[in-house]
Each structure stands twice: as structure tokens, then as C-alpha cells.
């Protein structure tokens, strides 16, 4: 998507300093260059460990009835994962 579609950024550093538009788009481009796109098919299931993997979803314009997103949280992990 073209950058103009997203408008201006309202992003800040940990110190609450505004991030310039140029720096914001540099980060967005770096993320995009290092992103793997995986198309989903009917009945696909995706399980993600939020502590180990950076992840997200692209915009979705299809009918709401054609996609379900369910989440579950747990603090119970096998000892081998620590």
C-alpha cells in the first residue's frame, strides 16, 4: 500500500519524544523488508508465542463472516520452553 494511505504518524519514543515521519517510515520499510507473508487457506490454524515472535496482520477487506480470530492466554508453559 502507498504510504499516503496511512496518513501521518503519531508515534513516540519511550521518553515521549515524537518520532519524525522519515524515521517512522524507515522503520516501517525495514519491518516490511524482513516480513514473511503467509497466505491462509480455509481451516488453517496459526499458533503464535507472543513472547518469542513479532507478528501482525495485514488489512482485511473481506466479509466478516469469512474469517474468525480467536485468542487464548496461558501462563502454563513446559519447563523446556524457559
C-alpha atoms as a PDB file:
ATOM      1  CA  UNK A   1       0.000   0.000   0.000  1.00  0.00           C
ATOM      2  CA  UNK A   2       1.179   3.527  -0.658  1.00  0.00           C
ATOM      3  CA  UNK A   3       2.434   5.428   2.364  1.00  0.00           C
ATOM      4  CA  UNK A   4      -0.055   8.219   1.681  1.00  0.00           C
ATOM      5  CA  UNK A   5      -2.892   5.824   2.523  1.00  0.00           C
ATOM      6  CA  UNK A   6      -1.806   5.677   6.174  1.00  0.00           C
ATOM      7  CA  UNK A   7      -1.603   9.419   6.837  1.00  0.00           C
ATOM      8  CA  UNK A   8       0.811  10.907   9.338  1.00  0.00           C
ATOM      9  CA  UNK A   9       2.303   9.023  12.241  1.00  0.00           C
ATOM     10  CA  UNK A  10       1.666   9.727  15.893  1.00  0.00           C
ATOM     11  CA  UNK A  11       4.466   7.589  17.283  1.00  0.00           C
ATOM     12  CA  UNK A  12       6.679   8.369  20.254  1.00  0.00           C
ATOM     13  CA  UNK A  13       9.838   7.001  21.850  1.00  0.00           C
ATOM     14  CA  UNK A  14       9.931   5.609  25.402  1.00  0.00           C
ATOM     15  CA  UNK A  15      10.924   9.099  26.523  1.00  0.00           C
ATOM     16  CA  UNK A  16       7.728  10.504  24.916  1.00  0.00           C
ATOM     17  CA  UNK A  17       9.673  12.231  22.139  1.00  0.00           C
ATOM     18  CA  UNK A  18       7.780  12.356  18.822  1.00  0.00           C
ATOM     19  CA  UNK A  19       9.246  10.155  16.084  1.00  0.00           C
ATOM     20  CA  UNK A  20       9.686  12.069  12.840  1.00  0.00           C
ATOM     21  CA  UNK A  21       7.765  10.946   9.778  1.00  0.00           C
ATOM     22  CA  UNK A  22      11.001   9.997   7.996  1.00  0.00           C
ATOM     23  CA  UNK A  23      12.211   7.851  10.903  1.00  0.00           C
ATOM     24  CA  UNK A  24       8.779   6.250  11.206  1.00  0.00           C
ATOM     25  CA  UNK A  25       8.790   5.220   7.526  1.00  0.00           C
ATOM     26  CA  UNK A  26      12.376   3.974   7.733  1.00  0.00           C
ATOM     27  CA  UNK A  27      11.275   1.591  10.476  1.00  0.00           C
ATOM     28  CA  UNK A  28       8.129   0.583   8.555  1.00  0.00           C
ATOM     29  CA  UNK A  29      10.219  -0.174   5.426  1.00  0.00           C
ATOM     30  CA  UNK A  30      12.759  -2.195   7.446  1.00  0.00           C
ATOM     31  CA  UNK A  31       9.966  -4.238   9.032  1.00  0.00           C
ATOM     32  CA  UNK A  32       8.329  -4.838   5.644  1.00  0.00           C
ATOM     33  CA  UNK A  33      11.635  -5.964   4.077  1.00  0.00           C
ATOM     34  CA  UNK A  34      12.039  -8.529   6.872  1.00  0.00           C
ATOM     35  CA  UNK A  35       8.451  -9.758   6.882  1.00  0.00           C
ATOM     36  CA  UNK A  36       7.311 -13.109   5.585  1.00  0.00           C
ATOM     37  CA  UNK A  37       3.855 -13.114   4.033  1.00  0.00           C
ATOM     38  CA  UNK A  38       1.905 -16.317   4.544  1.00  0.00           C
ATOM     39  CA  UNK A  39      -1.417 -16.636   2.730  1.00  0.00           C
ATOM     40  CA  UNK A  40      -4.029 -18.505   4.723  1.00  0.00           C
ATOM     41  CA  UNK A  41      -6.378 -21.172   3.427  1.00  0.00           C
ATOM     42  CA  UNK A  42      -9.700 -22.432   4.729  1.00  0.00           C
ATOM     43  CA  UNK A  43      -9.281 -24.266   8.050  1.00  0.00           C
ATOM     44  CA  UNK A  44      -5.714 -23.024   8.668  1.00  0.00           C
ATOM     45  CA  UNK A  45      -4.798 -22.642  12.340  1.00  0.00           C
ATOM     46  CA  UNK A  46      -1.998 -20.327  13.468  1.00  0.00           C
ATOM     47  CA  UNK A  47      -0.446 -20.553  16.939  1.00  0.00           C
ATOM     48  CA  UNK A  48       1.971 -17.792  17.925  1.00  0.00           C
ATOM     49  CA  UNK A  49       4.104 -17.386  21.042  1.00  0.00           C
ATOM     50  CA  UNK A  50       3.757 -13.645  21.693  1.00  0.00           C
ATOM     51  CA  UNK A  51       6.955 -13.593  23.757  1.00  0.00           C
ATOM     52  CA  UNK A  52       9.151 -15.060  21.015  1.00  0.00           C
ATOM     53  CA  UNK A  53       7.727 -13.857  17.701  1.00  0.00           C
ATOM     54  CA  UNK A  54       6.945 -10.423  16.331  1.00  0.00           C
ATOM     55  CA  UNK A  55       3.737 -10.780  14.373  1.00  0.00           C
ATOM     56  CA  UNK A  56       0.782  -8.938  12.973  1.00  0.00           C
ATOM     57  CA  UNK A  57      -1.956  -8.996  10.395  1.00  0.00           C
ATOM     58  CA  UNK A  58      -2.417  -7.111   7.176  1.00  0.00           C
ATOM     59  CA  UNK A  59      -5.577  -5.165   6.468  1.00  0.00           C
ATOM     60  CA  UNK A  60      -8.540  -7.375   5.666  1.00  0.00           C
ATOM     61  CA  UNK A  61     -11.349  -6.152   3.432  1.00  0.00           C
ATOM     62  CA  UNK A  62     -13.343  -9.379   3.053  1.00  0.00           C
ATOM     63  CA  UNK A  63     -16.654 -10.206   4.691  1.00  0.00           C
ATOM     64  CA  UNK A  64     -16.545 -10.622   8.460  1.00  0.00           C
ATOM     65  CA  UNK A  65     -18.217 -14.000   8.164  1.00  0.00           C
ATOM     66  CA  UNK A  66     -15.278 -15.424   6.209  1.00  0.00           C
ATOM     67  CA  UNK A  67     -12.696 -15.057   8.988  1.00  0.00           C
ATOM     68  CA  UNK A  68     -12.539 -15.836  12.691  1.00  0.00           C
ATOM     69  CA  UNK A  69      -9.806 -14.740  15.068  1.00  0.00           C
ATOM     70  CA  UNK A  70      -9.741 -16.437  18.452  1.00  0.00           C
ATOM     71  CA  UNK A  71      -7.221 -15.832  21.205  1.00  0.00           C
ATOM     72  CA  UNK A  72      -6.246 -17.734  24.302  1.00  0.00           C
ATOM     73  CA  UNK A  73      -3.740 -16.838  27.023  1.00  0.00           C
ATOM     74  CA  UNK A  74      -1.812 -19.077  29.345  1.00  0.00           C
ATOM     75  CA  UNK A  75       0.937 -18.781  31.928  1.00  0.00           C
ATOM     76  CA  UNK A  76       1.465 -22.548  31.860  1.00  0.00           C
ATOM     77  CA  UNK A  77       4.433 -23.468  29.699  1.00  0.00           C
ATOM     78  CA  UNK A  78       6.519 -26.615  29.580  1.00  0.00           C
ATOM     79  CA  UNK A  79       9.744 -26.277  31.585  1.00  0.00           C
ATOM     80  CA  UNK A  80      11.744 -26.874  28.391  1.00  0.00           C
ATOM     81  CA  UNK A  81      10.453 -23.553  26.971  1.00  0.00           C
ATOM     82  CA  UNK A  82      12.070 -21.458  29.713  1.00  0.00           C
END
